[in-house]
Amino acid sequence: MKLIMAIVQDKDSNRLANEFIDANIRATKLSSTGGFLKAGNSTFIIGIEDERVEEALALIKETCQSRSQYVTTPVTLDISLDGQVPYPVEVEVGGATVFVMPVEGFHQY
């Protein structure tokens, strides 16, 4: 048995949750925040049999594609930097960060 923790962008989370339901993969979804953009994420926690790990990873990969997005740079409050105006920057967002860990024990009560 393995434990999968997948951190995905909120924009992809509902679609991924539906894919897990269709594939009969039980997942717990937690709201999380972090990363470079401090944007909303969802963390899926999945306990899964070893032989189904690749199936779950394929669903995550297909559903959570990375894409480009423009964001505005933060305004600096440092007065010594005259003329600093926020400007849009293209960054890559989306995709998924996935951890697969061995499970020593599993109990369901």
Protein backbone atom coordinates (compact mmCIF):
# COMPACT_ATOMS: atom_id res chain seq x y z
CA MET A 1 0.00 0.00 0.00
CA LYS A 2 1.14 3.54 -0.78
CA LEU A 3 0.21 7.03 0.34
CA ILE A 4 -0.04 9.63 -2.42
CA MET A 5 -0.02 13.32 -1.58
CA ALA A 6 -0.78 15.47 -4.62
CA ILE A 7 -0.73 19.27 -4.45
CA VAL A 8 -2.63 20.82 -7.36
CA GLN A 9 -3.88 24.28 -8.28
CA ASP A 10 -7.46 25.00 -7.18
CA LYS A 11 -8.43 25.48 -10.82
CA ASP A 12 -7.75 21.76 -11.44
CA SER A 13 -8.97 20.33 -8.15
CA ASN A 14 -12.69 19.79 -8.89
CA ARG A 15 -11.97 18.10 -12.20
CA LEU A 16 -9.37 15.86 -10.54
CA ALA A 17 -11.77 14.98 -7.71
CA ASN A 18 -14.35 13.92 -10.31
CA GLU A 19 -11.73 11.81 -12.12
CA PHE A 20 -10.90 10.05 -8.84
CA ILE A 21 -14.61 9.36 -8.23
CA ASP A 22 -15.05 7.94 -11.75
CA ALA A 23 -12.01 5.67 -11.22
CA ASN A 24 -13.23 4.58 -7.77
CA ILE A 25 -10.16 6.07 -6.08
CA ARG A 26 -10.91 7.34 -2.59
CA ALA A 27 -9.21 10.66 -1.87
CA THR A 28 -9.37 13.29 0.85
CA LYS A 29 -9.11 16.87 -0.39
CA LEU A 30 -7.64 19.60 1.81
CA SER A 31 -7.40 23.30 1.03
CA SER A 32 -3.85 24.64 1.12
CA THR A 33 -1.96 27.77 0.17
CA GLY A 34 1.62 28.26 -0.79
CA GLY A 35 4.20 28.44 -3.46
CA PHE A 36 5.66 31.35 -5.33
CA LEU A 37 2.29 32.97 -6.10
CA LYS A 38 0.78 32.23 -2.67
CA ALA A 39 -2.24 31.00 -4.60
CA GLY A 40 -4.92 28.57 -3.50
CA ASN A 41 -4.08 24.91 -3.87
CA SER A 42 -5.72 21.64 -2.98
CA THR A 43 -3.85 18.74 -1.44
CA PHE A 44 -5.23 15.29 -2.16
CA ILE A 45 -4.34 12.49 0.25
CA ILE A 46 -4.86 9.02 -1.19
CA GLY A 47 -4.28 5.62 0.36
CA ILE A 48 -4.01 3.19 -2.55
CA GLU A 49 -2.93 -0.35 -3.38
CA ASP A 50 0.51 -0.69 -4.96
CA GLU A 51 -0.88 -1.97 -8.26
CA ARG A 52 -3.13 1.14 -8.68
CA VAL A 53 -0.46 3.80 -8.04
CA GLU A 54 0.36 4.25 -11.74
CA GLU A 55 -3.35 4.62 -12.55
CA ALA A 56 -3.70 7.42 -9.98
CA LEU A 57 -0.53 9.13 -11.20
CA ALA A 58 -1.78 9.00 -14.80
CA LEU A 59 -5.07 10.67 -13.78
CA ILE A 60 -3.17 13.42 -11.97
CA LYS A 61 -0.83 13.98 -14.93
CA GLU A 62 -3.69 14.11 -17.47
CA THR A 63 -5.88 16.42 -15.39
CA CYS A 64 -3.34 18.87 -13.96
CA GLN A 65 -1.50 20.39 -16.89
CA SER A 66 0.86 23.30 -16.39
CA ARG A 67 0.08 26.53 -18.25
CA SER A 68 1.37 30.08 -18.58
CA GLN A 69 -0.27 32.94 -16.72
CA TYR A 70 0.53 36.62 -16.30
CA VAL A 71 0.85 37.97 -12.75
CA THR A 72 1.71 41.43 -11.52
CA THR A 73 4.91 41.83 -9.56
CA PRO A 74 4.41 42.99 -5.98
CA VAL A 75 4.81 46.68 -5.20
CA THR A 76 7.91 47.45 -3.16
CA LEU A 77 7.65 49.95 -0.34
CA ASP A 78 11.34 50.78 -0.43
CA ILE A 79 11.55 54.52 -1.18
CA SER A 80 15.14 54.25 -2.41
CA LEU A 81 13.92 52.43 -5.54
CA ASP A 82 12.33 55.37 -7.38
CA GLY A 83 10.00 54.63 -10.24
CA GLN A 84 9.33 50.99 -9.33
CA VAL A 85 5.98 50.25 -10.96
CA PRO A 86 4.41 46.80 -10.83
CA TYR A 87 4.43 45.09 -14.21
CA PRO A 88 3.02 41.79 -15.51
CA VAL A 89 5.33 38.80 -15.65
CA GLU A 90 4.61 35.49 -17.38
CA VAL A 91 4.96 32.49 -15.06
CA GLU A 92 4.16 28.80 -15.36
CA VAL A 93 1.33 27.64 -13.08
CA GLY A 94 -0.65 24.48 -12.61
CA GLY A 95 0.66 20.99 -12.88
CA ALA A 96 1.02 18.94 -9.73
CA THR A 97 3.56 18.18 -7.05
CA VAL A 98 3.16 14.53 -6.06
CA PHE A 99 4.72 12.48 -3.28
CA VAL A 100 4.38 8.69 -3.18
CA MET A 101 5.30 7.11 0.16
CA PRO A 102 5.22 3.58 1.49
CA VAL A 103 2.59 2.83 4.13
CA GLU A 104 3.65 0.69 7.03
CA GLY A 105 0.12 0.12 8.29
CA PHE A 106 -3.44 0.87 7.27
CA HIS A 107 -6.46 0.70 9.58
CA GLN A 108 -10.03 1.63 8.82
CA TYR A 109 -12.49 1.65 11.70
